[in-house]
Amino acid sequence: MAHHKSALKRIRQTEVRTERNRARRSRIRTFVKKVELAVTEGDHAKATEALRAAQSELARGVVKGVLNKNTASRKISRLNARVKSLSA
């Protein structure tokens, strides 16, 4: 256990940040799942709308430091390819 005030504060901050990041990551996964569900249903309009929301969430995850930029880019690219395959 920490003994310095600054170390105790650091522990509190870490707990708060961990909880926020966990919530953000969970939210991102939910948005990605919505896209995948729409793709499996074959609903192009719904998938496109869900993709737009998921892209926004993934980009926000990058800005907040929850995701790596390349990871988010890869996920967006793969989701986009799956949505595009519906229209063909």
PDB file of N, CA and C in Angstrom:
ATOM      1  N   MET A   1       0.844  -1.187   0.000  1.00  0.00           N
ATOM      2  CA  MET A   1       0.000   0.000   0.000  1.00  0.00           C
ATOM      3  C   MET A   1       0.885   1.246   0.000  1.00  0.00           C
ATOM      4  N   ALA A   2       0.458   2.237  -0.754  1.00  0.00           N
ATOM      5  CA  ALA A   2       1.227   3.470  -0.858  1.00  0.00           C
ATOM      6  C   ALA A   2       1.155   4.261   0.452  1.00  0.00           C
ATOM      7  N   HIS A   3       2.207   5.027   0.705  1.00  0.00           N
ATOM      8  CA  HIS A   3       2.261   5.816   1.933  1.00  0.00           C
ATOM      9  C   HIS A   3       2.235   7.316   1.669  1.00  0.00           C
ATOM     10  N   HIS A   4       2.648   7.723   0.484  1.00  0.00           N
ATOM     11  CA  HIS A   4       2.670   9.150   0.158  1.00  0.00           C
ATOM     12  C   HIS A   4       1.306   9.600  -0.345  1.00  0.00           C
ATOM     13  N   LYS A   5       0.978  10.853  -0.054  1.00  0.00           N
ATOM     14  CA  LYS A   5      -0.305  11.393  -0.505  1.00  0.00           C
ATOM     15  C   LYS A   5      -0.420  11.356  -2.018  1.00  0.00           C
ATOM     16  N   SER A   6       0.664  11.691  -2.682  1.00  0.00           N
ATOM     17  CA  SER A   6       0.641  11.728  -4.149  1.00  0.00           C
ATOM     18  C   SER A   6       0.426  10.326  -4.720  1.00  0.00           C
ATOM     19  N   ALA A   7       0.999   9.315  -4.081  1.00  0.00           N
ATOM     20  CA  ALA A   7       0.835   7.935  -4.544  1.00  0.00           C
ATOM     21  C   ALA A   7      -0.601   7.461  -4.326  1.00  0.00           C
ATOM     22  N   LEU A   8      -1.194   7.873  -3.191  1.00  0.00           N
ATOM     23  CA  LEU A   8      -2.587   7.509  -2.918  1.00  0.00           C
ATOM     24  C   LEU A   8      -3.519   8.149  -3.955  1.00  0.00           C
ATOM     25  N   LYS A   9      -3.236   9.408  -4.273  1.00  0.00           N
ATOM     26  CA  LYS A   9      -4.040  10.112  -5.281  1.00  0.00           C
ATOM     27  C   LYS A   9      -3.894   9.419  -6.636  1.00  0.00           C
ATOM     28  N   ARG A  10      -2.671   9.025  -6.957  1.00  0.00           N
ATOM     29  CA  ARG A  10      -2.399   8.346  -8.219  1.00  0.00           C
ATOM     30  C   ARG A  10      -3.224   7.046  -8.316  1.00  0.00           C
ATOM     31  N   ILE A  11      -3.321   6.328  -7.223  1.00  0.00           N
ATOM     32  CA  ILE A  11      -4.100   5.083  -7.187  1.00  0.00           C
ATOM     33  C   ILE A  11      -5.577   5.377  -7.469  1.00  0.00           C
ATOM     34  N   ARG A  12      -6.097   6.438  -6.841  1.00  0.00           N
ATOM     35  CA  ARG A  12      -7.493   6.826  -7.074  1.00  0.00           C
ATOM     36  C   ARG A  12      -7.723   7.205  -8.535  1.00  0.00           C
ATOM     37  N   GLN A  13      -6.814   7.973  -9.091  1.00  0.00           N
ATOM     38  CA  GLN A  13      -6.943   8.405 -10.485  1.00  0.00           C
ATOM     39  C   GLN A  13      -6.923   7.211 -11.426  1.00  0.00           C
ATOM     40  N   THR A  14      -6.042   6.273 -11.150  1.00  0.00           N
ATOM     41  CA  THR A  14      -5.917   5.083 -11.988  1.00  0.00           C
ATOM     42  C   THR A  14      -7.210   4.276 -11.982  1.00  0.00           C
ATOM     43  N   GLU A  15      -7.813   4.138 -10.807  1.00  0.00           N
ATOM     44  CA  GLU A  15      -9.071   3.389 -10.708  1.00  0.00           C
ATOM     45  C   GLU A  15     -10.167   4.041 -11.549  1.00  0.00           C
ATOM     46  N   VAL A  16     -10.260   5.368 -11.472  1.00  0.00           N
ATOM     47  CA  VAL A  16     -11.282   6.100 -12.226  1.00  0.00           C
ATOM     48  C   VAL A  16     -11.044   5.946 -13.723  1.00  0.00           C
ATOM     49  N   ARG A  17      -9.789   6.123 -14.139  1.00  0.00           N
ATOM     50  CA  ARG A  17      -9.459   6.019 -15.566  1.00  0.00           C
ATOM     51  C   ARG A  17      -9.697   4.614 -16.098  1.00  0.00           C
ATOM     52  N   THR A  18      -9.336   3.619 -15.287  1.00  0.00           N
ATOM     53  CA  THR A  18      -9.537   2.226 -15.698  1.00  0.00           C
ATOM     54  C   THR A  18     -11.010   1.958 -15.945  1.00  0.00           C
ATOM     55  N   GLU A  19     -11.845   2.444 -15.048  1.00  0.00           N
ATOM     56  CA  GLU A  19     -13.295   2.241 -15.179  1.00  0.00           C
ATOM     57  C   GLU A  19     -13.834   2.938 -16.429  1.00  0.00           C
ATOM     58  N   ARG A  20     -13.390   4.166 -16.680  1.00  0.00           N
ATOM     59  CA  ARG A  20     -13.828   4.901 -17.871  1.00  0.00           C
ATOM     60  C   ARG A  20     -13.387   4.208 -19.144  1.00  0.00           C
ATOM     61  N   ASN A  21     -12.141   3.762 -19.168  1.00  0.00           N
ATOM     62  CA  ASN A  21     -11.618   3.099 -20.363  1.00  0.00           C
ATOM     63  C   ASN A  21     -12.344   1.782 -20.619  1.00  0.00           C
ATOM     64  N   ARG A  22     -12.654   1.077 -19.549  1.00  0.00           N
ATOM     65  CA  ARG A  22     -13.380  -0.192 -19.679  1.00  0.00           C
ATOM     66  C   ARG A  22     -14.762   0.064 -20.277  1.00  0.00           C
ATOM     67  N   ALA A  23     -15.417   1.127 -19.808  1.00  0.00           N
ATOM     68  CA  ALA A  23     -16.741   1.486 -20.322  1.00  0.00           C
ATOM     69  C   ALA A  23     -16.653   1.887 -21.798  1.00  0.00           C
ATOM     70  N   ARG A  24     -15.625   2.667 -22.145  1.00  0.00           N
ATOM     71  CA  ARG A  24     -15.447   3.086 -23.539  1.00  0.00           C
ATOM     72  C   ARG A  24     -15.225   1.891 -24.450  1.00  0.00           C
ATOM     73  N   ARG A  25     -14.356   0.974 -24.013  1.00  0.00           N
ATOM     74  CA  ARG A  25     -14.052  -0.212 -24.817  1.00  0.00           C
ATOM     75  C   ARG A  25     -15.308  -1.053 -25.018  1.00  0.00           C
ATOM     76  N   SER A  26     -16.098  -1.188 -23.962  1.00  0.00           N
ATOM     77  CA  SER A  26     -17.340  -1.951 -24.027  1.00  0.00           C
ATOM     78  C   SER A  26     -18.313  -1.294 -25.005  1.00  0.00           C
ATOM     79  N   ARG A  27     -18.408   0.037 -24.943  1.00  0.00           N
ATOM     80  CA  ARG A  27     -19.289   0.787 -25.833  1.00  0.00           C
ATOM     81  C   ARG A  27     -18.880   0.600 -27.293  1.00  0.00           C
ATOM     82  N   ILE A  28     -17.581   0.624 -27.538  1.00  0.00           N
ATOM     83  CA  ILE A  28     -17.070   0.423 -28.900  1.00  0.00           C
ATOM     84  C   ILE A  28     -17.452  -0.962 -29.397  1.00  0.00           C
ATOM     85  N   ARG A  29     -17.251  -1.962 -28.562  1.00  0.00           N
ATOM     86  CA  ARG A  29     -17.602  -3.343 -28.949  1.00  0.00           C
ATOM     87  C   ARG A  29     -19.085  -3.463 -29.289  1.00  0.00           C
ATOM     88  N   THR A  30     -19.929  -2.787 -28.519  1.00  0.00           N
ATOM     89  CA  THR A  30     -21.372  -2.818 -28.761  1.00  0.00           C
ATOM     90  C   THR A  30     -21.697  -2.248 -30.139  1.00  0.00           C
ATOM     91  N   PHE A  31     -21.087  -1.119 -30.483  1.00  0.00           N
ATOM     92  CA  PHE A  31     -21.341  -0.497 -31.781  1.00  0.00           C
ATOM     93  C   PHE A  31     -20.863  -1.385 -32.922  1.00  0.00           C
ATOM     94  N   VAL A  32     -19.723  -2.040 -32.739  1.00  0.00           N
ATOM     95  CA  VAL A  32     -19.192  -2.943 -33.767  1.00  0.00           C
ATOM     96  C   VAL A  32     -20.132  -4.137 -33.935  1.00  0.00           C
ATOM     97  N   LYS A  33     -20.654  -4.656 -32.829  1.00  0.00           N
ATOM     98  CA  LYS A  33     -21.576  -5.788 -32.887  1.00  0.00           C
ATOM     99  C   LYS A  33     -22.852  -5.435 -33.641  1.00  0.00           C
ATOM    100  N   LYS A  34     -23.317  -4.189 -33.470  1.00  0.00           N
ATOM    101  CA  LYS A  34     -24.514  -3.750 -34.181  1.00  0.00           C
ATOM    102  C   LYS A  34     -24.299  -3.789 -35.691  1.00  0.00           C
ATOM    103  N   VAL A  35     -23.111  -3.406 -36.131  1.00  0.00           N
ATOM    104  CA  VAL A  35     -22.791  -3.461 -37.566  1.00  0.00           C
ATOM    105  C   VAL A  35     -22.783  -4.911 -38.028  1.00  0.00           C
ATOM    106  N   GLU A  36     -22.106  -5.764 -37.279  1.00  0.00           N
ATOM    107  CA  GLU A  36     -22.011  -7.178 -37.650  1.00  0.00           C
ATOM    108  C   GLU A  36     -23.380  -7.843 -37.686  1.00  0.00           C
ATOM    109  N   LEU A  37     -24.245  -7.481 -36.760  1.00  0.00           N
ATOM    110  CA  LEU A  37     -25.597  -8.033 -36.731  1.00  0.00           C
ATOM    111  C   LEU A  37     -26.379  -7.614 -37.970  1.00  0.00           C
ATOM    112  N   ALA A  38     -26.272  -6.336 -38.325  1.00  0.00           N
ATOM    113  CA  ALA A  38     -26.968  -5.830 -39.519  1.00  0.00           C
ATOM    114  C   ALA A  38     -26.445  -6.504 -40.777  1.00  0.00           C
ATOM    115  N   VAL A  39     -25.147  -6.783 -40.815  1.00  0.00           N
ATOM    116  CA  VAL A  39     -24.561  -7.450 -41.980  1.00  0.00           C
ATOM    117  C   VAL A  39     -25.080  -8.882 -42.084  1.00  0.00           C
ATOM    118  N   THR A  40     -25.139  -9.586 -40.968  1.00  0.00           N
ATOM    119  CA  THR A  40     -25.627 -10.967 -41.003  1.00  0.00           C
ATOM    120  C   THR A  40     -27.106 -11.029 -41.381  1.00  0.00           C
ATOM    121  N   GLU A  41     -27.861  -9.986 -41.005  1.00  0.00           N
ATOM    122  CA  GLU A  41     -29.272  -9.921 -41.388  1.00  0.00           C
ATOM    123  C   GLU A  41     -29.432  -9.570 -42.865  1.00  0.00           C
ATOM    124  N   GLY A  42     -28.390  -8.969 -43.433  1.00  0.00           N
ATOM    125  CA  GLY A  42     -28.436  -8.601 -44.846  1.00  0.00           C
ATOM    126  C   GLY A  42     -29.118  -7.263 -45.096  1.00  0.00           C
ATOM    127  N   ASP A  43     -29.282  -6.465 -44.069  1.00  0.00           N
ATOM    128  CA  ASP A  43     -29.938  -5.161 -44.190  1.00  0.00           C
ATOM    129  C   ASP A  43     -28.890  -4.085 -44.473  1.00  0.00           C
ATOM    130  N   HIS A  44     -28.773  -3.676 -45.745  1.00  0.00           N
ATOM    131  CA  HIS A  44     -27.728  -2.735 -46.157  1.00  0.00           C
ATOM    132  C   HIS A  44     -27.915  -1.357 -45.522  1.00  0.00           C
ATOM    133  N   ALA A  45     -29.143  -0.855 -45.505  1.00  0.00           N
ATOM    134  CA  ALA A  45     -29.400   0.479 -44.957  1.00  0.00           C
ATOM    135  C   ALA A  45     -29.069   0.527 -43.463  1.00  0.00           C
ATOM    136  N   LYS A  46     -29.503  -0.491 -42.750  1.00  0.00           N
ATOM    137  CA  LYS A  46     -29.252  -0.556 -41.313  1.00  0.00           C
ATOM    138  C   LYS A  46     -27.748  -0.707 -41.034  1.00  0.00           C
ATOM    139  N   ALA A  47     -27.084  -1.508 -41.848  1.00  0.00           N
ATOM    140  CA  ALA A  47     -25.647  -1.732 -41.685  1.00  0.00           C
ATOM    141  C   ALA A  47     -24.866  -0.450 -41.946  1.00  0.00           C
ATOM    142  N   THR A  48     -25.281   0.304 -42.962  1.00  0.00           N
ATOM    143  CA  THR A  48     -24.603   1.558 -43.290  1.00  0.00           C
ATOM    144  C   THR A  48     -24.737   2.560 -42.146  1.00  0.00           C
ATOM    145  N   GLU A  49     -25.928   2.644 -41.613  1.00  0.00           N
ATOM    146  CA  GLU A  49     -26.169   3.562 -40.489  1.00  0.00           C
ATOM    147  C   GLU A  49     -25.362   3.139 -39.261  1.00  0.00           C
ATOM    148  N   ALA A  50     -25.347   1.837 -38.984  1.00  0.00           N
ATOM    149  CA  ALA A  50     -24.596   1.323 -37.835  1.00  0.00           C
ATOM    150  C   ALA A  50     -23.094   1.526 -38.038  1.00  0.00           C
ATOM    151  N   LEU A  51     -22.638   1.401 -39.286  1.00  0.00           N
ATOM    152  CA  LEU A  51     -21.223   1.599 -39.593  1.00  0.00           C
ATOM    153  C   LEU A  51     -20.816   3.045 -39.319  1.00  0.00           C
ATOM    154  N   ARG A  52     -21.665   3.965 -39.692  1.00  0.00           N
ATOM    155  CA  ARG A  52     -21.366   5.384 -39.461  1.00  0.00           C
ATOM    156  C   ARG A  52     -21.184   5.648 -37.961  1.00  0.00           C
ATOM    157  N   ALA A  53     -22.060   5.082 -37.158  1.00  0.00           N
ATOM    158  CA  ALA A  53     -21.975   5.265 -35.705  1.00  0.00           C
ATOM    159  C   ALA A  53     -20.732   4.573 -35.139  1.00  0.00           C
ATOM    160  N   ALA A  54     -20.433   3.384 -35.666  1.00  0.00           N
ATOM    161  CA  ALA A  54     -19.274   2.629 -35.180  1.00  0.00           C
ATOM    162  C   ALA A  54     -17.971   3.340 -35.528  1.00  0.00           C
ATOM    163  N   GLN A  55     -17.910   3.923 -36.723  1.00  0.00           N
ATOM    164  CA  GLN A  55     -16.707   4.666 -37.123  1.00  0.00           C
ATOM    165  C   GLN A  55     -16.452   5.818 -36.161  1.00  0.00           C
ATOM    166  N   SER A  56     -17.517   6.507 -35.821  1.00  0.00           N
ATOM    167  CA  SER A  56     -17.409   7.634 -34.899  1.00  0.00           C
ATOM    168  C   SER A  56     -16.906   7.170 -33.532  1.00  0.00           C
ATOM    169  N   GLU A  57     -17.452   6.069 -33.048  1.00  0.00           N
ATOM    170  CA  GLU A  57     -17.047   5.532 -31.740  1.00  0.00           C
ATOM    171  C   GLU A  57     -15.596   5.077 -31.757  1.00  0.00           C
ATOM    172  N   LEU A  58     -15.184   4.397 -32.837  1.00  0.00           N
ATOM    173  CA  LEU A  58     -13.806   3.928 -32.937  1.00  0.00           C
ATOM    174  C   LEU A  58     -12.837   5.113 -32.977  1.00  0.00           C
ATOM    175  N   ALA A  59     -13.190   6.136 -33.738  1.00  0.00           N
ATOM    176  CA  ALA A  59     -12.333   7.326 -33.817  1.00  0.00           C
ATOM    177  C   ALA A  59     -12.226   7.992 -32.452  1.00  0.00           C
ATOM    178  N   ARG A  60     -13.327   8.027 -31.744  1.00  0.00           N
ATOM    179  CA  ARG A  60     -13.332   8.614 -30.398  1.00  0.00           C
ATOM    180  C   ARG A  60     -12.456   7.795 -29.452  1.00  0.00           C
ATOM    181  N   GLY A  61     -12.478   6.471 -29.625  1.00  0.00           N
ATOM    182  CA  GLY A  61     -11.623   5.605 -28.817  1.00  0.00           C
ATOM    183  C   GLY A  61     -10.149   5.897 -29.033  1.00  0.00           C
ATOM    184  N   VAL A  62      -9.798   6.231 -30.271  1.00  0.00           N
ATOM    185  CA  VAL A  62      -8.407   6.579 -30.585  1.00  0.00           C
ATOM    186  C   VAL A  62      -8.034   7.888 -29.893  1.00  0.00           C
ATOM    187  N   VAL A  63      -8.914   8.878 -30.005  1.00  0.00           N
ATOM    188  CA  VAL A  63      -8.657  10.190 -29.408  1.00  0.00           C
ATOM    189  C   VAL A  63      -8.501  10.068 -27.886  1.00  0.00           C
ATOM    190  N   LYS A  64      -9.309   9.214 -27.286  1.00  0.00           N
ATOM    191  CA  LYS A  64      -9.277   9.054 -25.831  1.00  0.00           C
ATOM    192  C   LYS A  64      -8.149   8.130 -25.362  1.00  0.00           C
ATOM    193  N   GLY A  65      -7.455   7.503 -26.318  1.00  0.00           N
ATOM    194  CA  GLY A  65      -6.319   6.659 -25.953  1.00  0.00           C
ATOM    195  C   GLY A  65      -6.678   5.240 -25.574  1.00  0.00           C
ATOM    196  N   VAL A  66      -7.888   4.815 -25.890  1.00  0.00           N
ATOM    197  CA  VAL A  66      -8.326   3.459 -25.551  1.00  0.00           C
ATOM    198  C   VAL A  66      -7.855   2.480 -26.628  1.00  0.00           C
ATOM    199  N   LEU A  67      -7.840   2.951 -27.878  1.00  0.00           N
ATOM    200  CA  LEU A  67      -7.429   2.125 -29.013  1.00  0.00           C
ATOM    201  C   LEU A  67      -6.235   2.738 -29.727  1.00  0.00           C
ATOM    202  N   ASN A  68      -5.430   1.878 -30.327  1.00  0.00           N
ATOM    203  CA  ASN A  68      -4.358   2.334 -31.194  1.00  0.00           C
ATOM    204  C   ASN A  68      -4.957   2.797 -32.516  1.00  0.00           C
ATOM    205  N   LYS A  69      -4.359   3.789 -33.138  1.00  0.00           N
ATOM    206  CA  LYS A  69      -4.875   4.357 -34.388  1.00  0.00           C
ATOM    207  C   LYS A  69      -4.983   3.296 -35.477  1.00  0.00           C
ATOM    208  N   ASN A  70      -3.958   2.472 -35.608  1.00  0.00           N
ATOM    209  CA  ASN A  70      -3.965   1.446 -36.656  1.00  0.00           C
ATOM    210  C   ASN A  70      -5.004   0.362 -36.393  1.00  0.00           C
ATOM    211  N   THR A  71      -5.217   0.045 -35.139  1.00  0.00           N
ATOM    212  CA  THR A  71      -6.227  -0.957 -34.773  1.00  0.00           C
ATOM    213  C   THR A  71      -7.611  -0.473 -35.184  1.00  0.00           C
ATOM    214  N   ALA A  72      -7.903   0.771 -34.856  1.00  0.00           N
ATOM    215  CA  ALA A  72      -9.205   1.344 -35.198  1.00  0.00           C
ATOM    216  C   ALA A  72      -9.364   1.406 -36.714  1.00  0.00           C
ATOM    217  N   SER A  73      -8.317   1.808 -37.398  1.00  0.00           N
ATOM    218  CA  SER A  73      -8.347   1.907 -38.852  1.00  0.00           C
ATOM    219  C   SER A  73      -8.624   0.544 -39.481  1.00  0.00           C
ATOM    220  N   ARG A  74      -7.972  -0.483 -38.955  1.00  0.00           N
ATOM    221  CA  ARG A  74      -8.160  -1.842 -39.467  1.00  0.00           C
ATOM    222  C   ARG A  74      -9.598  -2.316 -39.252  1.00  0.00           C
ATOM    223  N   LYS A  75     -10.127  -2.061 -38.058  1.00  0.00           N
ATOM    224  CA  LYS A  75     -11.496  -2.481 -37.758  1.00  0.00           C
ATOM    225  C   LYS A  75     -12.503  -1.770 -38.659  1.00  0.00           C
ATOM    226  N   ILE A  76     -12.305  -0.463 -38.854  1.00  0.00           N
ATOM    227  CA  ILE A  76     -13.200   0.307 -39.722  1.00  0.00           C
ATOM    228  C   ILE A  76     -13.138  -0.229 -41.143  1.00  0.00           C
ATOM    229  N   SER A  77     -11.931  -0.498 -41.614  1.00  0.00           N
ATOM    230  CA  SER A  77     -11.740  -1.001 -42.971  1.00  0.00           C
ATOM    231  C   SER A  77     -12.451  -2.337 -43.177  1.00  0.00           C
ATOM    232  N   ARG A  78     -12.313  -3.225 -42.227  1.00  0.00           N
ATOM    233  CA  ARG A  78     -12.933  -4.554 -42.348  1.00  0.00           C
ATOM    234  C   ARG A  78     -14.453  -4.472 -42.273  1.00  0.00           C
ATOM    235  N   LEU A  79     -14.952  -3.626 -41.381  1.00  0.00           N
ATOM    236  CA  LEU A  79     -16.403  -3.445 -41.285  1.00  0.00           C
ATOM    237  C   LEU A  79     -16.942  -2.849 -42.582  1.00  0.00           C
ATOM    238  N   ASN A  80     -16.224  -1.862 -43.105  1.00  0.00           N
ATOM    239  CA  ASN A  80     -16.633  -1.205 -44.344  1.00  0.00           C
ATOM    240  C   ASN A  80     -16.689  -2.203 -45.499  1.00  0.00           C
ATOM    241  N   ALA A  81     -15.712  -3.096 -45.565  1.00  0.00           N
ATOM    242  CA  ALA A  81     -15.671  -4.109 -46.620  1.00  0.00           C
ATOM    243  C   ALA A  81     -16.874  -5.046 -46.504  1.00  0.00           C
ATOM    244  N   ARG A  82     -17.232  -5.408 -45.279  1.00  0.00           N
ATOM    245  CA  ARG A  82     -18.378  -6.304 -45.085  1.00  0.00           C
ATOM    246  C   ARG A  82     -19.682  -5.625 -45.470  1.00  0.00           C
ATOM    247  N   VAL A  83     -19.818  -4.341 -45.169  1.00  0.00           N
ATOM    248  CA  VAL A  83     -21.033  -3.604 -45.505  1.00  0.00           C
ATOM    249  C   VAL A  83     -21.119  -3.438 -47.024  1.00  0.00           C
ATOM    250  N   LYS A  84     -19.980  -3.146 -47.654  1.00  0.00           N
ATOM    251  CA  LYS A  84     -19.957  -2.986 -49.113  1.00  0.00           C
ATOM    252  C   LYS A  84     -20.334  -4.276 -49.835  1.00  0.00           C
ATOM    253  N   SER A  85     -19.943  -5.416 -49.244  1.00  0.00           N
ATOM    254  CA  SER A  85     -20.237  -6.700 -49.879  1.00  0.00           C
ATOM    255  C   SER A  85     -21.751  -6.966 -49.946  1.00  0.00           C
ATOM    256  N   LEU A  86     -22.530  -6.297 -49.088  1.00  0.00           N
ATOM    257  CA  LEU A  86     -23.982  -6.469 -49.107  1.00  0.00           C
ATOM    258  C   LEU A  86     -24.587  -5.890 -50.379  1.00  0.00           C
ATOM    259  N   SER A  87     -24.053  -4.760 -50.828  1.00  0.00           N
ATOM    260  CA  SER A  87     -24.641  -4.084 -51.999  1.00  0.00           C
ATOM    261  C   SER A  87     -24.295  -4.789 -53.300  1.00  0.00           C
ATOM    262  N   ALA A  88     -23.202  -5.563 -53.302  1.00  0.00           N
ATOM    263  CA  ALA A  88     -22.796  -6.255 -54.536  1.00  0.00           C
ATOM    264  C   ALA A  88     -23.594  -7.508 -54.802  1.00  0.00           C
TER     265      ALA A  88
END
